[in-house]
Amino acid sequence: MLIVPSPKDKPLLATTEPPAFEIVNAVSVSNLLLVCDHASNRVPSSLEFLGLTAAQLDDHIGWDPGAAQVARILAENLHAPLALSNYSRLVIDCNRPLSSAELIPEQSAGVIIPGNQMLSPQQQQERINQLFWPYHQAIDQLIDARLSAAAQFHPRVLLSIHSFTPSLHGELRPWNIGVAARHDQRFAQLLFNVLGEAADINVGFNQPYNIDDNFDYTLPVQGEGRGLLSAMIEIRQDGLKTYAQVMDWANRLTRAYLQIEPQLIGLLA
């Protein structure tokens, strides 16, 4: 049986390790808030890589490869605030409801996660308290600060950046990029329409994923739950292998957002 150190014996995060989140452009006049839930494959040293190899953690089960790079460039291009989770989705998935079995997954894509087996309620709660809540409280604070700002700010737009695997369960996914939304799909529809004008890419709407209250947390709670126009972007990972590809997607999204921004401001008026 795997023995996991008690939180009382060894703290989850060492004092030398990064906090649960990173904020870019905290002070900004943009009407857009960017988030990246699966930005990192970092594991706290106390968890000893969760018993996985470096290659396993670097694979898609550990994070969304390329998503953070796109989000950072997009934040720079649009002068928008960006919140990034600093730890692997295998330690705790910041885009899963607390009731989800995938919050702290015992396996992912057929890979057993040794460091997540037979965790006590106390060990699970420590990850929630030290990694999940701080990330979402940071997003809350960004939203709160901007909602209380001057009238010229329109801080009611949230865009979540993710990436997805080219195939799942042996089935190829034809979309180069997907746009997803929950009940209010106005922002997502505008993005989809503009991105779909390009002849060289296949754009999915609620493909390869839709937004599900039982599966997703950030958009249902931080997006529509806070009254923000919100959408999720999913970029296929084989299109994010080089810096040039990352730049291309970031610039495509920049142009698309700037094209629809006047319409968004009209929706927020």
Protein backbone atom coordinates (compact mmCIF):
# COMPACT_ATOMS: atom_id res chain seq x y z
CA MET A 1 0.00 0.00 0.00
CA LEU A 2 1.29 3.45 -0.89
CA ILE A 3 2.13 5.49 2.18
CA VAL A 4 1.67 9.21 1.68
CA PRO A 5 3.24 11.50 4.28
CA SER A 6 0.79 13.16 6.62
CA PRO A 7 0.34 16.92 6.08
CA LYS A 8 1.32 17.34 9.73
CA ASP A 9 4.66 15.63 9.01
CA LYS A 10 5.52 17.42 5.78
CA PRO A 11 3.82 20.52 4.37
CA LEU A 12 2.46 20.25 0.85
CA LEU A 13 4.39 23.27 -0.42
CA ALA A 14 7.91 24.08 0.72
CA THR A 15 8.66 27.73 1.45
CA THR A 16 10.97 27.79 -1.59
CA GLU A 17 8.24 26.63 -4.00
CA PRO A 18 6.00 28.91 -6.09
CA PRO A 19 2.51 29.77 -4.84
CA ALA A 20 -0.59 28.12 -6.26
CA PHE A 21 -1.05 30.70 -9.00
CA GLU A 22 0.62 33.38 -11.07
CA ILE A 23 -0.95 36.65 -12.12
CA VAL A 24 0.18 38.55 -15.21
CA ASN A 25 -0.95 42.16 -15.86
CA ALA A 26 -2.84 42.48 -12.58
CA VAL A 27 -3.36 46.18 -13.31
CA SER A 28 -4.98 46.55 -16.71
CA VAL A 29 -7.68 48.52 -18.50
CA SER A 30 -8.66 45.63 -20.76
CA ASN A 31 -12.25 44.38 -20.74
CA LEU A 32 -10.90 40.81 -20.89
CA LEU A 33 -9.78 38.42 -18.16
CA LEU A 34 -7.73 35.38 -19.27
CA VAL A 35 -7.32 32.19 -17.26
CA CYS A 36 -5.26 29.04 -17.80
CA ASP A 37 -6.31 26.22 -15.47
CA HIS A 38 -3.79 23.62 -16.72
CA ALA A 39 -0.78 25.86 -17.27
CA SER A 40 1.88 23.81 -15.46
CA ASN A 41 3.02 20.24 -14.89
CA ARG A 42 4.85 21.14 -11.67
CA VAL A 43 4.41 18.81 -8.68
CA PRO A 44 5.24 19.86 -5.09
CA SER A 45 8.51 18.26 -3.98
CA SER A 46 6.72 16.74 -0.99
CA LEU A 47 4.72 14.52 -3.38
CA GLU A 48 7.83 13.09 -5.05
CA PHE A 49 6.54 13.51 -8.62
CA LEU A 50 3.41 11.54 -7.64
CA GLY A 51 5.41 8.43 -8.45
CA LEU A 52 5.47 9.32 -12.16
CA THR A 53 8.31 9.81 -14.62
CA ALA A 54 9.27 13.18 -16.04
CA ALA A 55 8.01 12.02 -19.44
CA GLN A 56 4.60 11.12 -17.99
CA LEU A 57 4.28 14.49 -16.28
CA ASP A 58 5.30 16.24 -19.49
CA ASP A 59 2.57 14.43 -21.42
CA HIS A 60 -0.99 15.75 -21.77
CA ILE A 61 -2.10 13.98 -18.58
CA GLY A 62 0.05 16.38 -16.55
CA TRP A 63 -1.04 19.68 -18.11
CA ASP A 64 -2.22 21.34 -21.32
CA PRO A 65 0.98 21.65 -23.40
CA GLY A 66 1.27 25.00 -25.15
CA ALA A 67 -1.76 26.57 -23.46
CA ALA A 68 0.20 28.77 -21.05
CA GLN A 69 2.46 30.05 -23.84
CA VAL A 70 -0.53 31.06 -25.94
CA ALA A 71 -2.22 32.66 -22.93
CA ARG A 72 0.88 34.69 -22.02
CA ILE A 73 1.30 36.07 -25.53
CA LEU A 74 -2.41 36.81 -25.76
CA ALA A 75 -2.25 38.66 -22.42
CA GLU A 76 0.68 40.71 -23.72
CA ASN A 77 -0.99 41.46 -27.05
CA LEU A 78 -4.28 42.54 -25.46
CA HIS A 79 -2.82 44.05 -22.26
CA ALA A 80 -5.20 41.77 -20.39
CA PRO A 81 -4.85 40.24 -16.91
CA LEU A 82 -4.08 36.52 -16.84
CA ALA A 83 -4.35 33.97 -14.02
CA LEU A 84 -2.37 30.74 -14.36
CA SER A 85 -2.43 27.68 -12.13
CA ASN A 86 1.11 26.82 -11.02
CA TYR A 87 0.71 23.07 -10.38
CA SER A 88 -0.18 19.97 -12.36
CA ARG A 89 -3.76 18.96 -12.93
CA LEU A 90 -2.71 15.58 -11.50
CA VAL A 91 -2.03 17.16 -8.11
CA ILE A 92 -5.43 18.83 -8.25
CA ASP A 93 -7.48 19.86 -11.26
CA CYS A 94 -8.52 23.49 -10.87
CA ASN A 95 -11.21 23.08 -13.54
CA ARG A 96 -13.14 20.32 -11.79
CA PRO A 97 -15.93 20.67 -9.21
CA LEU A 98 -14.94 19.58 -5.72
CA SER A 99 -17.35 16.64 -6.03
CA SER A 100 -15.70 15.33 -9.20
CA ALA A 101 -13.76 12.06 -9.17
CA GLU A 102 -11.27 13.81 -11.48
CA LEU A 103 -10.47 16.55 -8.96
CA ILE A 104 -7.54 14.44 -7.72
CA PRO A 105 -7.44 11.65 -10.29
CA GLU A 106 -6.28 8.17 -9.32
CA GLN A 107 -5.65 7.42 -13.01
CA SER A 108 -5.55 9.43 -16.20
CA ALA A 109 -5.64 8.10 -19.79
CA GLY A 110 -4.89 4.63 -18.45
CA VAL A 111 -1.92 5.78 -16.36
CA ILE A 112 -2.16 4.98 -12.64
CA ILE A 113 -1.15 7.92 -10.45
CA PRO A 114 0.64 6.30 -7.46
CA GLY A 115 0.75 9.48 -5.38
CA ASN A 116 -3.04 9.87 -5.58
CA GLN A 117 -3.98 6.44 -4.26
CA MET A 118 -5.78 6.04 -0.95
CA LEU A 119 -5.48 9.68 0.11
CA SER A 120 -7.06 10.55 3.42
CA PRO A 121 -9.74 13.27 3.57
CA GLN A 122 -7.15 15.45 5.32
CA GLN A 123 -4.65 15.01 2.48
CA GLN A 124 -7.29 15.80 -0.13
CA GLN A 125 -8.41 18.87 1.79
CA GLU A 126 -4.84 20.14 2.04
CA ARG A 127 -4.54 20.17 -1.75
CA ILE A 128 -7.90 21.95 -2.00
CA ASN A 129 -6.90 24.54 0.61
CA GLN A 130 -3.40 25.22 -0.67
CA LEU A 131 -3.79 24.92 -4.44
CA PHE A 132 -7.42 24.94 -5.62
CA TRP A 133 -8.87 27.73 -3.50
CA PRO A 134 -5.92 30.15 -3.74
CA TYR A 135 -6.06 29.98 -7.54
CA HIS A 136 -9.79 30.64 -7.67
CA GLN A 137 -9.64 33.28 -4.94
CA ALA A 138 -7.04 35.09 -7.05
CA ILE A 139 -9.47 35.02 -9.99
CA ASP A 140 -12.23 36.26 -7.67
CA GLN A 141 -10.06 39.18 -6.61
CA LEU A 142 -9.29 40.14 -10.20
CA ILE A 143 -12.99 40.10 -11.02
CA ASP A 144 -13.97 41.99 -7.87
CA ALA A 145 -11.35 44.69 -8.40
CA ARG A 146 -12.36 45.25 -11.97
CA LEU A 147 -16.11 45.22 -11.34
CA SER A 148 -15.56 48.01 -8.83
CA ALA A 149 -13.41 50.04 -11.24
CA ALA A 150 -14.46 53.14 -13.14
CA ALA A 151 -17.35 53.04 -15.59
CA GLN A 152 -15.11 52.98 -18.67
CA PHE A 153 -13.94 49.49 -17.74
CA HIS A 154 -15.98 46.60 -19.08
CA PRO A 155 -14.58 43.69 -17.05
CA ARG A 156 -17.24 41.16 -17.83
CA VAL A 157 -15.45 38.98 -20.39
CA LEU A 158 -13.60 35.79 -19.44
CA LEU A 159 -11.63 33.54 -21.80
CA SER A 160 -10.16 30.23 -20.63
CA ILE A 161 -7.25 28.78 -22.65
CA HIS A 162 -6.73 25.00 -22.97
CA SER A 163 -5.21 22.49 -25.38
CA PHE A 164 -6.37 19.01 -26.41
CA THR A 165 -4.89 15.80 -27.79
CA PRO A 166 -5.08 15.07 -31.55
CA SER A 167 -6.86 11.77 -30.84
CA LEU A 168 -8.85 10.22 -28.01
CA HIS A 169 -9.48 6.50 -27.57
CA GLY A 170 -8.10 5.93 -31.05
CA GLU A 171 -10.46 8.44 -32.68
CA LEU A 172 -8.90 11.35 -34.55
CA ARG A 173 -10.15 14.83 -33.69
CA PRO A 174 -10.37 16.91 -36.85
CA TRP A 175 -10.67 20.35 -35.24
CA ASN A 176 -7.59 22.56 -35.09
CA ILE A 177 -9.31 24.69 -32.47
CA GLY A 178 -12.57 24.55 -30.56
CA VAL A 179 -14.69 27.21 -28.91
CA ALA A 180 -17.02 26.19 -26.08
CA ALA A 181 -19.57 27.89 -23.85
CA ARG A 182 -22.22 27.07 -21.28
CA HIS A 183 -25.74 28.57 -21.46
CA ASP A 184 -24.81 32.09 -22.60
CA GLN A 185 -23.04 31.42 -25.88
CA ARG A 186 -22.91 34.95 -27.31
CA PHE A 187 -19.17 35.50 -26.77
CA ALA A 188 -18.30 31.99 -27.95
CA GLN A 189 -20.46 32.35 -31.05
CA LEU A 190 -18.77 35.60 -32.03
CA LEU A 191 -15.33 34.01 -31.62
CA PHE A 192 -16.40 30.94 -33.56
CA ASN A 193 -17.76 33.01 -36.43
CA VAL A 194 -14.57 35.04 -36.82
CA LEU A 195 -12.18 32.12 -36.43
CA GLY A 196 -14.26 30.11 -38.87
CA GLU A 197 -13.63 32.67 -41.63
CA ALA A 198 -10.11 31.26 -42.04
CA ALA A 199 -9.95 28.64 -44.81
CA ASP A 200 -6.90 26.84 -43.41
CA ILE A 201 -8.35 25.65 -40.07
CA ASN A 202 -11.25 23.52 -38.87
CA VAL A 203 -13.06 25.21 -35.99
CA GLY A 204 -15.35 23.28 -33.64
CA PHE A 205 -18.21 24.69 -31.61
CA ASN A 206 -18.53 22.86 -28.28
CA GLN A 207 -16.04 20.43 -29.82
CA PRO A 208 -13.98 18.55 -28.75
CA TYR A 209 -15.57 19.52 -25.40
CA ASN A 210 -18.62 21.38 -24.23
CA ILE A 211 -19.07 22.99 -20.82
CA ASP A 212 -20.72 20.75 -18.23
CA ASP A 213 -21.53 21.78 -14.66
CA ASN A 214 -20.62 18.28 -13.48
CA PHE A 215 -17.25 18.35 -15.26
CA ASP A 216 -16.16 22.02 -15.41
CA TYR A 217 -15.68 24.58 -12.68
CA THR A 218 -14.08 27.74 -14.04
CA LEU A 219 -16.63 28.84 -16.64
CA PRO A 220 -19.78 27.81 -14.74
CA VAL A 221 -18.59 29.42 -11.49
CA GLN A 222 -16.13 32.18 -12.42
CA GLY A 223 -17.68 32.93 -15.80
CA GLU A 224 -21.46 32.76 -15.95
CA GLY A 225 -21.62 32.44 -12.18
CA ARG A 226 -20.13 35.91 -11.86
CA GLY A 227 -22.15 37.38 -14.71
CA LEU A 228 -19.27 37.44 -17.20
CA LEU A 229 -19.52 36.73 -20.91
CA SER A 230 -17.34 33.64 -21.04
CA ALA A 231 -15.88 31.09 -23.43
CA MET A 232 -13.28 28.34 -23.48
CA ILE A 233 -10.67 27.89 -26.21
CA GLU A 234 -9.20 24.45 -26.94
CA ILE A 235 -6.23 24.24 -29.35
CA ARG A 236 -5.05 20.91 -30.73
CA GLN A 237 -1.65 20.11 -29.29
CA ASP A 238 0.04 19.06 -32.52
CA GLY A 239 -0.40 22.69 -33.59
CA LEU A 240 1.52 23.96 -30.56
CA LYS A 241 4.82 22.11 -30.91
CA THR A 242 6.96 25.07 -31.99
CA TYR A 243 7.23 28.68 -30.90
CA ALA A 244 6.13 29.77 -34.38
CA GLN A 245 2.94 27.71 -34.03
CA VAL A 246 2.26 29.13 -30.58
CA MET A 247 2.74 32.66 -31.92
CA ASP A 248 0.42 31.95 -34.85
CA TRP A 249 -2.41 30.82 -32.58
CA ALA A 250 -1.91 33.68 -30.13
CA ASN A 251 -1.96 36.18 -32.97
CA ARG A 252 -5.05 34.57 -34.56
CA LEU A 253 -6.87 34.83 -31.24
CA THR A 254 -5.67 38.40 -30.77
CA ARG A 255 -7.03 39.45 -34.15
CA ALA A 256 -10.30 37.61 -33.55
CA TYR A 257 -10.82 39.23 -30.17
CA LEU A 258 -10.05 42.73 -31.43
CA GLN A 259 -12.48 42.21 -34.31
CA ILE A 260 -15.37 41.28 -32.02
CA GLU A 261 -14.51 43.58 -29.09
CA PRO A 262 -16.86 46.42 -30.21
CA GLN A 263 -19.74 43.94 -30.32
CA LEU A 264 -18.83 42.64 -26.85
CA ILE A 265 -18.82 46.13 -25.43
CA GLY A 266 -22.25 46.61 -26.96
CA LEU A 267 -23.46 43.47 -25.20
CA LEU A 268 -22.07 44.76 -21.89
CA ALA A 269 -23.52 48.24 -22.16
